[in-house]
Protein backbone atom coordinates (compact mmCIF):
# COMPACT_ATOMS: atom_id res chain seq x y z
CA MET A 1 -45.81 -5.24 44.90
CA TYR A 2 -46.21 -7.87 42.77
CA ALA A 3 -44.56 -11.20 42.43
CA ILE A 4 -44.68 -13.78 39.32
CA VAL A 5 -45.36 -17.41 40.45
CA GLU A 6 -45.81 -20.66 39.45
CA ILE A 7 -48.78 -22.53 40.88
CA ALA A 8 -49.24 -26.04 39.22
CA GLY A 9 -47.18 -25.85 36.41
CA GLN A 10 -48.63 -22.32 35.60
CA GLN A 11 -47.52 -19.13 35.83
CA PHE A 12 -49.54 -16.47 37.26
CA LYS A 13 -49.05 -12.45 38.13
CA VAL A 14 -50.35 -12.05 41.43
CA GLU A 15 -50.84 -9.08 44.44
CA GLU A 16 -51.30 -8.73 47.95
CA GLY A 17 -55.18 -9.44 48.20
CA LYS A 18 -55.99 -10.53 45.01
CA LYS A 19 -58.17 -13.93 44.04
CA ILE A 20 -56.88 -15.84 41.54
CA PHE A 21 -58.38 -19.33 39.95
CA VAL A 22 -55.59 -21.89 39.66
CA HIS A 23 -56.00 -25.83 38.84
CA ARG A 24 -57.43 -27.90 41.81
CA LEU A 25 -54.92 -27.88 44.57
CA LYS A 26 -55.25 -30.97 47.29
CA ALA A 27 -55.96 -28.18 50.40
CA GLU A 28 -59.25 -28.19 52.53
CA ASN A 29 -61.06 -24.89 52.23
CA GLY A 30 -59.43 -22.18 54.74
CA LYS A 31 -55.90 -23.73 54.92
CA LYS A 32 -53.31 -21.66 54.29
CA LEU A 33 -50.92 -22.80 51.59
CA GLU A 34 -46.83 -21.03 50.42
CA PHE A 35 -45.62 -20.98 46.84
CA ASP A 36 -41.94 -21.02 46.81
CA GLN A 37 -41.54 -21.16 43.23
CA VAL A 38 -41.30 -17.70 42.75
CA LEU A 39 -39.68 -16.13 39.63
CA LEU A 40 -40.26 -12.85 39.67
CA ILE A 41 -40.70 -10.26 42.73
CA GLU A 42 -41.46 -6.15 41.54
CA ASP A 43 -41.72 -3.82 44.75
CA LYS A 44 -41.50 0.07 44.03
CA GLY A 45 -39.84 -0.10 40.70
CA LYS A 46 -37.21 -2.44 42.10
CA VAL A 47 -37.09 -6.01 39.98
CA ILE A 48 -35.51 -8.68 41.21
CA VAL A 49 -35.39 -12.02 38.66
CA GLY A 50 -35.07 -15.55 39.65
CA GLU A 51 -32.49 -17.96 38.07
CA PRO A 52 -34.78 -19.92 37.48
CA VAL A 53 -36.27 -19.37 41.07
CA ILE A 54 -35.61 -16.60 43.82
CA LYS A 55 -34.42 -18.06 47.02
CA ASP A 56 -36.10 -17.66 50.13
CA ALA A 57 -38.98 -15.48 48.51
CA VAL A 58 -42.59 -17.09 49.45
CA VAL A 59 -45.95 -16.03 48.31
CA GLU A 60 -48.55 -17.00 51.18
CA ALA A 61 -52.38 -17.81 50.02
CA LYS A 62 -55.59 -18.81 51.49
CA VAL A 63 -57.85 -21.47 50.01
CA LEU A 64 -61.30 -19.95 49.50
CA GLU A 65 -63.21 -22.88 47.36
CA HIS A 66 -63.21 -25.68 45.24
CA LEU A 67 -65.28 -25.29 41.95
CA LYS A 68 -65.88 -25.88 38.54
CA GLY A 69 -65.11 -23.98 35.60
CA ASP A 70 -67.66 -23.29 32.31
CA LYS A 71 -68.77 -26.05 30.15
CA VAL A 72 -66.51 -26.38 27.11
CA ILE A 73 -68.59 -27.87 24.46
CA VAL A 74 -66.12 -30.02 21.78
CA PHE A 75 -68.17 -30.57 18.41
CA LYS A 76 -66.91 -32.62 15.82
CA LYS A 77 -68.85 -33.36 12.40
CA LYS A 78 -67.60 -34.83 8.61
CA ARG A 79 -69.63 -33.49 5.80
CA LYS A 80 -71.55 -35.97 3.93
CA LYS A 81 -70.66 -39.16 5.84
CA GLY A 82 -72.69 -38.79 8.53
CA TYR A 83 -70.25 -38.37 11.63
CA ARG A 84 -71.11 -36.26 14.77
CA VAL A 85 -70.06 -36.22 18.29
CA LYS A 86 -70.48 -33.62 20.88
CA ASN A 87 -68.25 -34.10 23.86
CA GLY A 88 -68.74 -31.65 27.21
CA HIS A 89 -65.52 -30.83 29.28
CA ARG A 90 -65.79 -28.68 32.97
CA GLN A 91 -62.42 -28.52 34.34
CA TYR A 92 -61.67 -28.34 38.04
CA PHE A 93 -60.30 -25.00 40.16
CA THR A 94 -59.25 -23.78 43.31
CA GLN A 95 -60.09 -19.97 44.27
CA VAL A 96 -57.07 -18.74 45.88
CA GLU A 97 -56.51 -15.20 47.76
CA ILE A 98 -53.10 -14.62 47.78
CA VAL A 99 -52.16 -13.27 51.67
CA SER A 100 -48.62 -12.11 51.65
CA ILE A 101 -45.38 -11.84 49.20
CA LYS A 102 -42.42 -12.44 50.80
CA GLU A 103 -39.35 -12.14 49.72
CA LYS A 104 -36.82 -12.82 52.99
CA ALA A 105 -33.59 -10.46 52.49
CA ALA A 106 -32.98 -11.96 49.14
CA GLY A 107 -31.45 -8.24 48.21
CA LYS A 108 -28.56 -8.99 50.92
CA LYS A 109 -27.78 -12.73 50.61
CA ALA A 110 -27.62 -11.71 46.51
CA GLU A 111 -24.70 -9.59 47.50
CA THR A 112 -22.72 -11.75 49.82
CA ALA A 113 -22.76 -13.95 47.40
CA ALA A 114 -21.97 -11.62 44.40
CA GLU A 115 -19.16 -10.94 47.09
CA LYS A 116 -18.38 -14.61 47.88
CA ALA A 117 -17.84 -15.26 44.23
CA GLU A 118 -15.27 -12.31 43.23
CA GLU A 119 -12.98 -13.45 46.06
CA PRO A 120 -12.11 -17.57 44.64
CA LYS A 121 -11.92 -15.93 41.13
CA ALA A 122 -9.01 -13.95 42.62
CA GLU A 123 -7.62 -16.95 44.23
CA LYS A 124 -7.68 -18.84 41.05
CA ALA A 125 -5.96 -16.30 38.76
CA GLU A 126 -2.59 -16.13 41.46
CA ALA A 127 -2.70 -20.13 41.03
CA ALA A 128 -2.80 -20.14 37.33
CA THR A 129 -0.09 -17.77 37.16
CA ALA A 130 2.14 -19.98 39.85
CA THR A 131 1.36 -22.67 37.82
CA ALA A 132 2.29 -21.47 34.32
CA GLY A 133 5.49 -20.19 36.04
CA GLU A 134 6.21 -23.34 37.32
CA LYS A 135 5.70 -25.18 33.66
CA ALA A 136 7.98 -22.89 32.28
CA ALA A 137 10.81 -23.91 34.36
CA VAL A 138 10.27 -27.68 33.58
CA LYS A 139 10.00 -27.40 29.80
CA LYS A 140 13.11 -27.95 27.97
CA PRO A 141 14.04 -26.01 25.49
CA ARG A 142 14.37 -27.53 21.75
CA ALA A 143 17.03 -27.72 19.93
CA PRO A 144 17.23 -25.23 16.53
CA LYS A 145 16.25 -26.90 13.34
CA THR A 146 19.40 -27.39 11.47
CA GLN A 147 19.82 -27.38 7.60
CA ALA A 148 20.23 -31.01 6.77
CA ALA A 149 17.16 -31.83 9.15
CA GLU A 150 15.10 -29.43 6.65
CA GLU A 151 16.84 -31.33 3.55
CA LYS A 152 15.70 -34.34 4.85
CA ALA A 153 11.93 -33.48 4.79
CA PRO A 154 10.35 -35.36 2.51
CA GLU A 155 9.31 -33.80 -0.68
CA LYS A 156 5.26 -34.10 -2.13
CA ALA A 157 4.56 -37.30 -2.66
CA ALA A 158 2.93 -37.99 -5.82
CA PRO A 159 -0.66 -38.50 -6.26
CA LYS A 160 -1.64 -42.15 -5.89
CA THR A 161 -3.56 -44.04 -8.25
CA THR A 162 -6.54 -46.02 -7.31
CA GLY A 163 -5.44 -49.07 -9.80
CA ARG A 164 -8.51 -48.86 -11.68
CA LYS A 165 -8.18 -49.03 -15.66
CA SER A 166 -9.22 -46.62 -17.73
CA THR A 167 -11.73 -46.58 -19.81
CA SER A 168 -10.51 -44.03 -22.77
CA LYS A 169 -9.34 -44.88 -25.96
CA LYS A 170 -5.53 -45.68 -26.40
CA GLU A 171 -4.37 -44.20 -29.91
């Protein structure tokens, strides 16, 4: 069983008993944390995907220690100009051990939510057909067009002129 969880703005694939390094969290050593931003859970071939997260799913973790990562050296140089800059950086991390992945009956709730979604659709369809019937009864029938009305229809008008004088020579 594994899950994909969002922790401190990053996504991690976690399994029970696995240790991971995440960006520094404000928690003391030995403290237990719960992460509720679970995006996906896989259990024995059964995959549950959140939209965007799975409701009522929680990953429990225990903070092991806070430490610094390896030093990263940033060196900048421009040839023939005498420009050299050397900077170093060490990122702060928290080591976390995944204790458990819980999916608090997310599958049962998904089924009941799907059933509830079907019921209002049926009611809306009935209401739509009823209102369409009422609208048909209210509409007034139009009088058929007569030949006189068709003859009175304006013919195509001549194209409008812009009022500018033409620049071509007159003969």
